[in-house]
Protein backbone atom coordinates (compact mmCIF):
# COMPACT_ATOMS: atom_id res chain seq x y z
CA MET A 1 -51.87 58.27 0.60
CA VAL A 2 -55.40 56.99 0.90
CA ASN A 3 -57.05 60.30 1.69
CA GLU A 4 -55.53 62.29 -1.13
CA GLY A 5 -56.16 65.99 -1.39
CA PRO A 6 -57.80 67.43 -4.50
CA ASN A 7 -54.55 68.82 -5.88
CA GLN A 8 -52.73 65.56 -5.45
CA GLU A 9 -55.52 63.60 -7.10
CA GLU A 10 -55.65 66.03 -10.02
CA ARG A 11 -51.93 65.64 -10.53
CA ASP A 12 -52.14 61.85 -10.38
CA ASP A 13 -55.03 61.60 -12.80
CA THR A 14 -53.97 64.12 -15.45
CA PRO A 15 -53.76 62.32 -18.78
CA ALA A 16 -51.00 62.73 -21.32
CA PRO A 17 -51.58 65.91 -23.40
CA GLU A 18 -51.80 64.30 -26.77
CA SER A 19 -54.99 62.55 -27.78
CA ALA A 20 -55.52 61.18 -31.21
CA LEU A 21 -59.23 61.00 -30.65
CA GLN A 22 -59.50 64.70 -29.87
CA ALA A 23 -57.11 65.78 -32.60
CA ASP A 24 -58.86 64.06 -35.47
CA PRO A 25 -62.65 64.33 -35.44
CA SER A 26 -62.89 62.00 -38.41
CA VAL A 27 -61.61 59.08 -36.42
CA SER A 28 -64.27 56.43 -35.87
CA VAL A 29 -65.30 56.44 -32.26
CA HIS A 30 -67.78 53.59 -32.20
CA PRO A 31 -66.45 50.18 -31.22
CA SER A 32 -68.12 47.10 -32.53
CA VAL A 33 -69.55 45.71 -29.34
CA SER A 34 -72.45 43.35 -29.16
CA ILE A 35 -74.08 44.19 -25.88
CA ASN A 36 -77.11 41.95 -26.11
CA PRO A 37 -79.21 40.57 -28.94
CA SER A 38 -81.13 43.83 -29.21
CA VAL A 39 -78.28 46.30 -28.70
CA SER A 40 -75.28 46.64 -30.99
CA VAL A 41 -72.84 49.48 -31.54
CA HIS A 42 -70.91 49.43 -34.84
CA PRO A 43 -67.96 51.42 -36.19
CA SER A 44 -68.63 53.96 -38.84
CA SER A 45 -66.83 57.13 -39.89
CA SER A 46 -70.16 58.65 -40.78
CA ALA A 47 -72.24 57.47 -37.87
CA HIS A 48 -75.86 58.47 -37.85
CA PRO A 49 -77.91 58.74 -34.65
CA SER A 50 -80.45 56.23 -35.81
CA ALA A 51 -77.77 53.64 -36.19
CA LEU A 52 -77.03 53.89 -32.50
CA ALA A 53 -80.56 53.61 -31.20
CA GLN A 54 -81.27 51.23 -28.37
CA PRO A 55 -84.31 50.64 -26.20
CA SER A 56 -83.22 52.94 -23.38
CA GLY A 57 -81.58 55.50 -25.62
CA LEU A 58 -77.89 56.32 -25.85
CA ALA A 59 -76.97 59.02 -23.43
CA HIS A 60 -73.61 60.49 -23.08
CA PRO A 61 -71.91 60.39 -19.75
CA SER A 62 -73.58 62.24 -16.96
CA SER A 63 -71.74 64.84 -14.96
CA SER A 64 -71.28 62.31 -12.17
CA GLY A 65 -69.20 60.01 -14.37
CA PRO A 66 -65.48 60.20 -15.05
CA GLU A 67 -64.42 63.42 -16.74
CA ASP A 68 -62.68 61.88 -19.76
CA LEU A 69 -63.91 58.54 -21.06
CA SER A 70 -61.15 58.45 -23.69
CA VAL A 71 -58.59 57.65 -20.98
CA ILE A 72 -58.29 54.26 -19.32
CA LYS A 73 -56.39 54.39 -16.05
CA VAL A 74 -56.53 52.49 -12.77
CA SER A 75 -56.49 54.45 -9.53
CA ARG A 76 -54.13 53.78 -6.66
CA ARG A 77 -57.04 54.28 -4.27
CA ARG A 78 -58.78 51.14 -5.58
CA TRP A 79 -57.11 48.71 -3.15
CA ALA A 80 -57.89 50.93 -0.16
CA VAL A 81 -61.55 51.05 -1.23
CA VAL A 82 -61.91 47.31 -1.64
CA LEU A 83 -60.06 46.53 1.61
CA VAL A 84 -62.20 48.90 3.68
CA PHE A 85 -65.33 47.42 2.12
CA SER A 86 -64.01 43.93 2.85
CA CYS A 87 -63.47 44.87 6.51
CA TYR A 88 -66.93 46.25 7.22
CA SER A 89 -68.47 43.35 5.29
CA MET A 90 -66.45 41.09 7.63
CA CYS A 91 -67.87 42.87 10.68
CA ASN A 92 -71.43 42.44 9.42
CA ALA A 93 -70.92 38.76 8.59
CA PHE A 94 -69.52 38.13 12.08
CA GLN A 95 -72.74 39.47 13.58
CA TRP A 96 -74.76 37.14 11.35
CA ILE A 97 -73.21 33.94 12.71
CA GLN A 98 -72.22 35.00 16.26
CA TYR A 99 -75.45 33.52 17.69
CA GLY A 100 -75.56 30.36 15.60
CA SER A 101 -71.97 29.36 16.41
CA ILE A 102 -72.91 29.08 20.13
CA ASN A 103 -76.56 28.26 19.63
CA ASN A 104 -76.91 26.19 22.81
CA ILE A 105 -75.33 28.89 25.03
CA PHE A 106 -77.68 31.64 23.86
CA MET A 107 -80.62 29.23 24.25
CA HIS A 108 -79.68 28.81 27.90
CA PHE A 109 -79.00 32.51 28.52
CA TYR A 110 -82.24 33.85 27.02
CA GLY A 111 -84.36 30.79 27.83
CA VAL A 112 -85.61 30.38 24.26
CA SER A 113 -85.81 27.50 21.77
CA ALA A 114 -83.20 26.49 19.20
CA PHE A 115 -85.57 27.64 16.48
CA ALA A 116 -85.68 31.15 17.99
CA ILE A 117 -81.88 31.37 17.89
CA ASP A 118 -81.91 30.05 14.31
CA TRP A 119 -84.14 32.99 13.39
CA LEU A 120 -81.41 35.39 14.55
CA SER A 121 -79.45 34.08 11.58
CA MET A 122 -82.41 33.65 9.24
CA CYS A 123 -83.57 37.25 9.75
CA TYR A 124 -80.53 38.22 7.63
CA MET A 125 -82.04 36.19 4.82
CA LEU A 126 -85.61 37.33 5.43
CA THR A 127 -84.95 41.10 5.42
CA TYR A 128 -82.85 40.87 2.27
CA ILE A 129 -85.68 39.65 0.07
CA PRO A 130 -88.07 42.66 0.29
CA LEU A 131 -85.32 45.27 0.66
CA LEU A 132 -83.01 44.25 -2.17
CA LEU A 133 -84.80 46.05 -5.00
CA PRO A 134 -85.19 49.35 -3.11
CA VAL A 135 -81.53 49.27 -2.07
CA ALA A 136 -80.41 48.38 -5.60
CA TRP A 137 -82.40 51.37 -6.83
CA LEU A 138 -80.68 53.56 -4.21
CA LEU A 139 -77.32 52.27 -5.44
CA GLU A 140 -78.15 53.37 -8.97
CA LYS A 141 -79.59 56.68 -7.77
CA PHE A 142 -77.02 57.78 -5.18
CA GLY A 143 -73.93 55.69 -5.94
CA LEU A 144 -71.36 53.61 -4.09
CA ARG A 145 -70.29 56.10 -1.41
CA THR A 146 -73.79 56.73 -0.08
CA ILE A 147 -74.61 53.02 0.01
CA ALA A 148 -71.30 52.22 1.72
CA LEU A 149 -71.85 54.85 4.42
CA THR A 150 -75.43 53.73 5.02
CA GLY A 151 -74.51 50.06 5.29
CA SER A 152 -71.59 50.73 7.62
CA ALA A 153 -73.68 53.09 9.81
CA LEU A 154 -76.50 50.55 10.19
CA ASN A 155 -73.98 47.83 11.00
CA CYS A 156 -72.50 50.05 13.73
CA LEU A 157 -75.93 50.95 15.15
CA GLY A 158 -77.03 47.31 15.33
CA ALA A 159 -73.83 46.35 17.17
CA TRP A 160 -74.43 48.96 19.89
CA VAL A 161 -78.15 48.15 20.25
CA LYS A 162 -77.20 44.58 21.21
CA LEU A 163 -75.43 45.92 24.28
CA GLY A 164 -78.87 46.69 25.68
CA SER A 165 -79.77 42.98 25.69
CA LEU A 166 -77.48 41.70 28.45
CA LYS A 167 -80.30 40.42 30.65
CA PRO A 168 -82.09 37.09 30.09
CA HIS A 169 -85.47 38.81 29.68
CA LEU A 170 -84.18 41.20 26.99
CA PHE A 171 -84.15 38.78 24.07
CA PRO A 172 -86.40 41.15 22.02
CA VAL A 173 -83.68 43.82 22.23
CA THR A 174 -81.06 41.52 20.76
CA VAL A 175 -83.58 40.66 18.01
CA VAL A 176 -83.92 44.39 17.21
CA GLY A 177 -80.14 44.80 17.05
CA GLN A 178 -79.82 41.77 14.79
CA VAL A 179 -82.57 43.01 12.49
CA ILE A 180 -80.76 46.36 12.11
CA CYS A 181 -77.58 44.47 11.19
CA SER A 182 -79.57 42.39 8.72
CA VAL A 183 -80.79 45.58 7.01
CA ALA A 184 -77.15 46.73 6.84
CA GLN A 185 -76.35 43.49 5.04
CA VAL A 186 -78.67 44.50 2.19
CA PHE A 187 -76.37 47.49 1.59
CA ILE A 188 -73.32 45.20 1.55
CA LEU A 189 -73.92 41.89 -0.23
CA GLY A 190 -74.53 43.27 -3.72
CA MET A 191 -71.46 45.52 -3.81
CA PRO A 192 -68.42 43.28 -4.52
CA SER A 193 -68.92 43.02 -8.30
CA ARG A 194 -69.93 46.69 -8.53
CA ILE A 195 -66.78 47.85 -6.70
CA ALA A 196 -64.64 45.55 -8.84
CA SER A 197 -66.12 46.88 -12.09
CA VAL A 198 -66.04 50.57 -11.13
CA TRP A 199 -62.54 50.62 -9.63
CA PHE A 200 -60.50 47.79 -11.21
CA GLY A 201 -59.02 47.05 -14.60
CA ALA A 202 -60.08 44.28 -16.95
CA ASN A 203 -57.36 41.92 -15.70
CA GLU A 204 -58.12 42.59 -12.03
CA VAL A 205 -61.91 42.50 -11.69
CA SER A 206 -62.26 38.84 -10.71
CA THR A 207 -59.43 39.07 -8.19
CA ALA A 208 -60.91 42.27 -6.74
CA CYS A 209 -64.36 40.69 -6.48
CA SER A 210 -62.79 37.72 -4.67
CA VAL A 211 -61.07 40.07 -2.21
CA ALA A 212 -64.37 41.86 -1.57
CA VAL A 213 -66.17 38.55 -0.95
CA PHE A 214 -63.15 37.39 1.08
CA GLY A 215 -64.06 39.85 3.85
CA ASN A 216 -67.55 38.46 4.22
CA GLN A 217 -66.20 34.93 4.45
CA LEU A 218 -63.51 35.99 6.94
CA GLY A 219 -66.23 37.51 9.12
CA ILE A 220 -68.11 34.21 9.13
CA ALA A 221 -64.87 32.39 9.97
CA ILE A 222 -64.20 34.70 12.93
CA GLY A 223 -67.85 34.31 13.92
CA PHE A 224 -67.28 30.57 14.23
CA LEU A 225 -63.97 30.91 16.06
CA VAL A 226 -64.31 33.81 18.52
CA PRO A 227 -67.75 33.43 20.23
CA PRO A 228 -66.99 29.93 21.65
CA VAL A 229 -63.74 31.34 23.06
CA LEU A 230 -65.18 34.57 24.50
CA VAL A 231 -68.42 33.02 25.79
CA PRO A 232 -67.78 29.71 27.60
CA ASN A 233 -70.62 27.33 28.36
CA VAL A 234 -71.27 28.08 32.05
CA GLU A 235 -74.50 27.76 34.03
CA ASP A 236 -74.32 31.10 35.87
CA ARG A 237 -76.25 33.63 33.77
CA ASP A 238 -74.51 36.61 35.39
CA LYS A 239 -71.15 35.26 34.26
CA LEU A 240 -72.61 34.57 30.84
CA ALA A 241 -73.83 38.17 30.62
CA TYR A 242 -70.32 39.39 31.45
CA HIS A 243 -68.70 37.26 28.73
CA ILE A 244 -71.37 38.18 26.18
CA SER A 245 -70.86 41.90 26.97
CA ILE A 246 -67.15 41.58 26.15
CA MET A 247 -68.01 40.18 22.72
CA PHE A 248 -70.62 42.87 22.08
CA TYR A 249 -68.29 45.72 23.16
CA ILE A 250 -65.49 44.46 20.90
CA ILE A 251 -67.73 44.25 17.84
CA GLY A 252 -69.28 47.66 18.62
CA GLY A 253 -65.83 49.28 18.77
CA VAL A 254 -64.70 47.63 15.55
CA ALA A 255 -67.89 48.67 13.74
CA THR A 256 -67.40 52.29 14.87
CA LEU A 257 -63.80 52.38 13.65
CA LEU A 258 -64.83 50.95 10.28
CA LEU A 259 -67.57 53.56 9.89
CA ILE A 260 -64.93 56.28 10.30
CA LEU A 261 -62.67 54.59 7.73
CA VAL A 262 -65.52 54.32 5.21
CA PHE A 263 -66.18 58.05 5.61
CA ILE A 264 -62.50 58.86 4.97
CA VAL A 265 -61.59 56.33 2.25
CA PHE A 266 -64.69 55.69 0.15
CA LYS A 267 -65.06 57.72 -3.00
CA GLU A 268 -67.86 57.43 -5.54
CA LYS A 269 -65.68 56.41 -8.50
CA PRO A 270 -62.21 57.07 -9.94
CA LYS A 271 -61.65 60.08 -12.20
CA TYR A 272 -61.02 57.85 -15.22
CA PRO A 273 -62.66 54.50 -16.10
CA PRO A 274 -60.33 51.57 -15.28
CA SER A 275 -61.34 49.42 -18.27
CA ARG A 276 -62.78 49.67 -21.75
CA ALA A 277 -65.93 47.85 -20.63
CA GLN A 278 -66.48 50.34 -17.82
CA SER A 279 -65.91 53.26 -20.20
CA LEU A 280 -68.54 51.88 -22.56
CA SER A 281 -70.85 51.24 -19.62
CA TYR A 282 -70.72 54.93 -18.69
CA ALA A 283 -71.33 55.93 -22.30
CA LEU A 284 -74.26 53.56 -22.79
CA THR A 285 -76.00 54.43 -19.53
CA SER A 286 -79.21 56.37 -19.92
CA PRO A 287 -80.41 58.40 -16.95
CA ASP A 288 -83.98 57.84 -18.15
CA ALA A 289 -83.69 54.06 -18.37
CA SER A 290 -86.40 52.15 -16.52
CA TYR A 291 -85.13 50.40 -13.41
CA LEU A 292 -87.86 47.79 -13.51
CA GLY A 293 -87.24 47.50 -17.24
CA SER A 294 -83.63 46.52 -16.50
CA ILE A 295 -84.81 43.79 -14.16
CA ALA A 296 -87.30 42.56 -16.74
CA GLN A 297 -84.52 42.51 -19.34
CA LEU A 298 -82.36 40.37 -17.04
CA PHE A 299 -85.12 37.81 -16.62
CA LYS A 300 -85.33 37.46 -20.39
CA ASN A 301 -81.72 36.27 -20.32
CA LEU A 302 -82.07 32.49 -19.93
CA ASN A 303 -78.41 31.98 -19.04
CA PHE A 304 -78.68 34.49 -16.21
CA VAL A 305 -81.91 32.93 -14.92
CA LEU A 306 -80.20 29.54 -14.75
CA LEU A 307 -77.30 31.11 -12.88
CA VAL A 308 -79.69 32.76 -10.39
CA ILE A 309 -81.18 29.35 -9.58
CA THR A 310 -77.88 27.48 -9.34
CA TYR A 311 -76.23 30.21 -7.28
CA GLY A 312 -79.18 30.21 -4.89
CA LEU A 313 -79.00 26.44 -4.43
CA ASN A 314 -75.27 26.54 -3.62
CA ALA A 315 -75.28 29.62 -1.38
CA GLY A 316 -78.52 28.52 0.31
CA ALA A 317 -76.91 25.20 1.21
CA PHE A 318 -73.96 27.07 2.68
CA TYR A 319 -76.24 29.31 4.77
CA ALA A 320 -78.10 26.28 6.12
CA LEU A 321 -74.88 24.43 6.98
CA SER A 322 -73.43 27.50 8.72
CA THR A 323 -76.56 28.10 10.78
CA LEU A 324 -77.00 24.47 11.84
CA LEU A 325 -73.34 23.41 12.14
CA ASN A 326 -73.18 23.83 15.92
CA ARG A 327 -76.29 21.68 16.33
CA MET A 328 -74.97 18.96 14.00
CA VAL A 329 -71.54 18.72 15.63
CA ILE A 330 -72.95 18.75 19.19
CA TRP A 331 -75.37 15.97 18.09
CA HIS A 332 -72.45 13.60 17.44
CA TYR A 333 -69.79 15.14 19.70
CA PRO A 334 -71.44 16.48 22.90
CA GLY A 335 -69.60 19.27 24.71
CA GLU A 336 -67.48 20.16 21.66
CA GLU A 337 -68.78 23.73 21.16
CA VAL A 338 -65.25 25.08 20.62
CA ASN A 339 -64.41 22.43 18.04
CA ALA A 340 -67.75 23.04 16.31
CA GLY A 341 -66.64 26.64 15.89
CA ARG A 342 -63.25 25.50 14.63
CA ILE A 343 -64.88 23.23 12.07
CA GLY A 344 -66.91 26.20 10.85
CA LEU A 345 -63.69 28.22 10.75
CA THR A 346 -62.05 25.49 8.68
CA ILE A 347 -64.94 25.50 6.18
CA VAL A 348 -64.76 29.24 5.67
CA ILE A 349 -60.96 29.61 5.65
CA ALA A 350 -60.72 26.87 3.04
CA GLY A 351 -63.47 28.64 1.10
CA MET A 352 -61.61 31.96 1.22
CA LEU A 353 -58.55 30.25 -0.22
CA GLY A 354 -60.76 28.73 -2.91
CA ALA A 355 -62.30 32.13 -3.66
CA VAL A 356 -58.93 33.85 -4.11
CA ILE A 357 -57.58 31.04 -6.28
CA SER A 358 -60.76 31.10 -8.37
CA GLY A 359 -60.52 34.87 -8.83
CA ILE A 360 -56.89 34.74 -9.95
CA TRP A 361 -57.66 31.83 -12.26
CA LEU A 362 -60.58 33.66 -13.87
CA ASP A 363 -58.48 36.79 -14.49
CA ARG A 364 -55.91 34.64 -16.28
CA SER A 365 -58.09 32.13 -18.12
CA LYS A 366 -61.53 33.82 -18.54
CA THR A 367 -63.04 30.29 -18.45
CA TYR A 368 -66.14 31.28 -16.46
CA LYS A 369 -68.47 28.44 -17.48
CA GLU A 370 -65.88 25.67 -17.16
CA THR A 371 -64.55 26.88 -13.80
CA THR A 372 -68.02 27.36 -12.36
CA LEU A 373 -69.14 23.89 -13.42
CA VAL A 374 -66.03 22.14 -12.05
CA VAL A 375 -66.29 23.96 -8.72
CA TYR A 376 -70.00 23.09 -8.47
CA ILE A 377 -69.39 19.40 -9.09
CA MET A 378 -66.57 19.35 -6.54
CA THR A 379 -68.89 21.08 -4.04
CA LEU A 380 -71.40 18.27 -4.49
CA LEU A 381 -68.74 15.58 -4.04
CA GLY A 382 -67.40 17.33 -0.95
CA MET A 383 -70.90 17.51 0.54
CA VAL A 384 -71.47 13.80 -0.07
CA VAL A 385 -68.19 12.86 1.64
CA TYR A 386 -68.93 15.19 4.58
CA THR A 387 -72.42 13.68 4.96
CA PHE A 388 -71.14 10.13 5.35
CA THR A 389 -68.15 10.91 7.59
CA LEU A 390 -69.76 13.23 10.15
CA ASN A 391 -70.88 10.38 12.40
CA LEU A 392 -67.69 8.27 12.34
CA GLY A 393 -66.64 9.49 15.80
CA HIS A 394 -63.35 11.09 14.69
CA LEU A 395 -63.28 14.88 14.79
CA TRP A 396 -60.08 15.08 12.72
CA VAL A 397 -61.93 13.38 9.85
CA VAL A 398 -64.72 15.95 10.10
CA PHE A 399 -62.15 18.77 9.95
CA ILE A 400 -60.67 17.37 6.72
CA THR A 401 -63.94 16.60 4.94
CA ALA A 402 -65.59 19.87 6.03
CA GLY A 403 -62.55 21.87 4.89
CA THR A 404 -62.54 20.15 1.49
CA MET A 405 -66.24 20.86 1.04
CA GLY A 406 -65.79 24.49 2.13
CA PHE A 407 -62.93 25.06 -0.31
CA PHE A 408 -65.34 24.59 -3.20
CA MET A 409 -68.70 25.59 -1.67
CA THR A 410 -67.69 29.06 -0.44
CA GLY A 411 -65.07 29.40 -3.15
CA TYR A 412 -67.98 29.33 -5.61
CA LEU A 413 -69.56 32.57 -4.32
CA PRO A 414 -67.35 35.15 -6.13
CA LEU A 415 -67.46 32.96 -9.25
CA GLY A 416 -71.22 33.42 -9.36
CA PHE A 417 -70.95 37.22 -9.00
CA GLU A 418 -68.41 37.56 -11.79
CA PHE A 419 -70.16 35.12 -14.13
CA ALA A 420 -73.37 37.11 -13.65
CA VAL A 421 -71.66 40.38 -14.62
CA GLU A 422 -70.28 38.73 -17.76
CA LEU A 423 -73.69 37.37 -18.77
CA THR A 424 -75.58 40.63 -18.16
CA TYR A 425 -73.16 43.40 -19.24
CA PRO A 426 -73.84 46.34 -19.55
CA GLU A 427 -76.68 46.05 -17.03
CA SER A 428 -75.92 47.26 -13.50
CA GLU A 429 -73.73 44.96 -11.44
CA GLY A 430 -75.78 45.94 -8.38
CA ILE A 431 -78.97 44.56 -9.91
CA SER A 432 -77.47 41.27 -11.12
CA SER A 433 -75.65 40.65 -7.82
CA GLY A 434 -78.78 41.56 -5.88
CA LEU A 435 -80.90 39.05 -7.75
CA LEU A 436 -78.31 36.35 -7.07
CA ASN A 437 -78.42 37.21 -3.38
CA ILE A 438 -82.23 37.18 -3.27
CA SER A 439 -82.11 33.64 -4.66
CA ALA A 440 -79.52 32.71 -2.02
CA GLN A 441 -81.64 34.13 0.82
CA VAL A 442 -84.81 32.39 -0.37
CA PHE A 443 -83.12 29.01 -0.66
CA GLY A 444 -81.22 29.70 2.57
CA ILE A 445 -84.46 30.13 4.53
CA ILE A 446 -86.06 27.07 2.91
CA PHE A 447 -83.01 24.88 3.46
CA THR A 448 -82.37 26.06 7.04
CA ILE A 449 -85.95 25.43 8.19
CA SER A 450 -86.27 22.14 6.28
CA GLN A 451 -82.89 20.74 7.27
CA GLY A 452 -83.42 21.81 10.88
CA GLN A 453 -86.71 19.92 11.03
CA ILE A 454 -85.18 16.86 9.35
CA ILE A 455 -82.27 16.85 11.82
CA ASP A 456 -84.62 17.14 14.82
CA ASN A 457 -86.82 14.28 13.61
CA TYR A 458 -84.51 11.95 11.68
CA GLY A 459 -80.88 12.89 12.40
CA THR A 460 -78.03 14.70 10.65
CA LYS A 461 -77.44 12.28 7.77
CA PRO A 462 -80.92 12.62 6.20
CA GLY A 463 -80.64 16.39 6.67
CA ASN A 464 -77.36 16.53 4.76
CA ILE A 465 -78.63 14.14 2.05
CA PHE A 466 -81.47 16.64 1.56
CA LEU A 467 -78.86 19.29 0.65
CA CYS A 468 -76.95 16.85 -1.58
CA LEU A 469 -80.04 16.34 -3.74
CA PHE A 470 -80.41 20.06 -4.41
CA LEU A 471 -76.70 20.50 -5.10
CA THR A 472 -77.02 17.73 -7.70
CA LEU A 473 -79.81 19.72 -9.34
CA GLY A 474 -77.65 22.86 -9.28
CA ALA A 475 -74.71 21.12 -10.93
CA ALA A 476 -76.98 19.75 -13.68
CA LEU A 477 -78.48 23.18 -14.40
CA THR A 478 -75.03 24.80 -14.48
CA ALA A 479 -74.11 22.55 -17.40
CA PHE A 480 -76.83 24.22 -19.49
CA ILE A 481 -75.54 27.79 -19.01
CA LYS A 482 -73.96 29.16 -22.18
CA PRO A 483 -70.81 31.25 -21.63
CA ASP A 484 -71.97 34.46 -23.33
CA LEU A 485 -69.13 36.65 -21.96
CA ARG A 486 -70.32 40.12 -23.02
CA ARG A 487 -67.97 42.14 -20.84
CA GLN A 488 -64.97 40.23 -22.18
CA LYS A 489 -66.08 40.95 -25.74
CA ALA A 490 -66.18 44.67 -24.91
CA ASN A 491 -62.72 44.60 -23.35
CA LYS A 492 -61.16 42.78 -26.32
CA GLU A 493 -62.28 45.19 -29.02
CA THR A 494 -58.91 46.95 -29.29
CA PRO A 495 -55.51 45.20 -29.07
CA GLU A 496 -53.90 48.18 -27.32
CA ASN A 497 -56.25 47.92 -24.34
CA LYS A 498 -53.56 47.45 -21.70
CA LEU A 499 -54.01 49.25 -18.40
CA GLN A 500 -51.27 51.22 -16.73
CA GLU A 501 -50.86 52.41 -13.15
CA GLU A 502 -51.53 56.09 -12.51
CA GLU A 503 -47.87 56.94 -12.06
CA GLU A 504 -47.09 55.67 -15.57
CA GLU A 505 -48.97 58.56 -17.16
CA SER A 506 -46.85 58.64 -20.28
CA ASN A 507 -48.13 55.18 -21.20
CA THR A 508 -51.82 55.92 -20.54
CA SER A 509 -54.04 54.02 -23.00
CA LYS A 510 -56.62 55.78 -25.12
CA VAL A 511 -59.91 54.11 -25.98
CA PRO A 512 -62.89 55.03 -28.12
CA THR A 513 -65.89 56.54 -26.40
CA ALA A 514 -69.49 56.77 -27.47
CA VAL A 515 -69.97 59.52 -30.02
CA SER A 516 -70.86 62.87 -28.51
CA GLU A 517 -73.81 65.03 -29.49
CA ASP A 518 -71.41 67.48 -31.23
CA HIS A 519 -70.20 64.73 -33.54
CA LEU A 520 -73.75 63.61 -34.21
């Protein structure tokens, strides 16, 4: 059912024969949608081209877009697409944290410092910063399928390269493999909101984005849980090499299988737009629009700039905690590598639950600003409680406080993606998500290095207080973001905008499209 043949897909996607829009050329086909302060599209039965002018020009849908923008219909393939993406994102995230979760064991095996092992995690953050804009441009130029295949292929290649590093003197080889995986991450992190917008209906996008982010968080969770189990802390380096090889072979096999699934399942976009906002997005897209101009336009949006900063502070704190968790737990509970991994697992599993609940809540309530602010404040409170309970000597207390903090801290991540899309519509989701992730990587590197140095010199409590201060700043800045929900305004323009499944073709909704050149 996933890999449908052309005939089957054509049959599934054929719209109902009658179309009021096609039958009556006098019908107004311009919705009143305020896109941004400088772009507005108004209804008029006698529309004139000059009335529709916008900075990048109004182009009608390119040949690569859906064939009929007057039909809104969700595709059955959408869940297969998002689940496959979620799985290879999970595989990549596992490889990010697999070294940090057993930091002390890899230090012993390769004979390197803790800071060197930390860089195996931080290289994910470092490579993202210079590569984000080129990859975002590639996403706009070549589309989802090409980016998905490239990211999955690089993830697979990096996993197999690491198998060449099973000797203590081959640390540079494992660095090369990790760097390849970090490049793959650039092709992955910015895609959840784009997949949700392109494939899912107006009442599903936040849930779909949460599912896409869910995979990344699950990979981190498995990365905390599995390495301490597969690679025990033994002195014999030959035995360590054997256990490490098992972990590397497993991840290499999984990455290969996922690459095959991406090739089979991933499709560029559905035949019909799944929402009114996506239909308008296709219609308003100009192939000649300046890519750098789009980025410049986003940075003129004060609400989005505030979100970029606050998202970076929150996600950066999470990256630092994840990278340094093993070191912090071992500091207070020596010999508890396995439980350190389980605490990390608890943080991420609780966060995945928070992410799914947040996504469902947003789809129902559309209260983006309020939900984001509440979750941010609860993240701060959870971090404060975790900071002052870590050294009490009771691991069960750490499990509870870390899980509570994780529920909100990692549950915030899909909220940021979706809020950004709302604030920047109809700009590309890939660009807005990418800028959020650049902020996260920058703050992640700063926080990881700074907190690591503070922990080494002053202990874990001052290091965690350092993060609490920046989370306080993030919560305060979030309060100043105005909820300018542009995508929601586009989706609410017509009362009959209710999506139907593909098999309910007789109830397929019709929506206005941008006026064609013939009408003009």
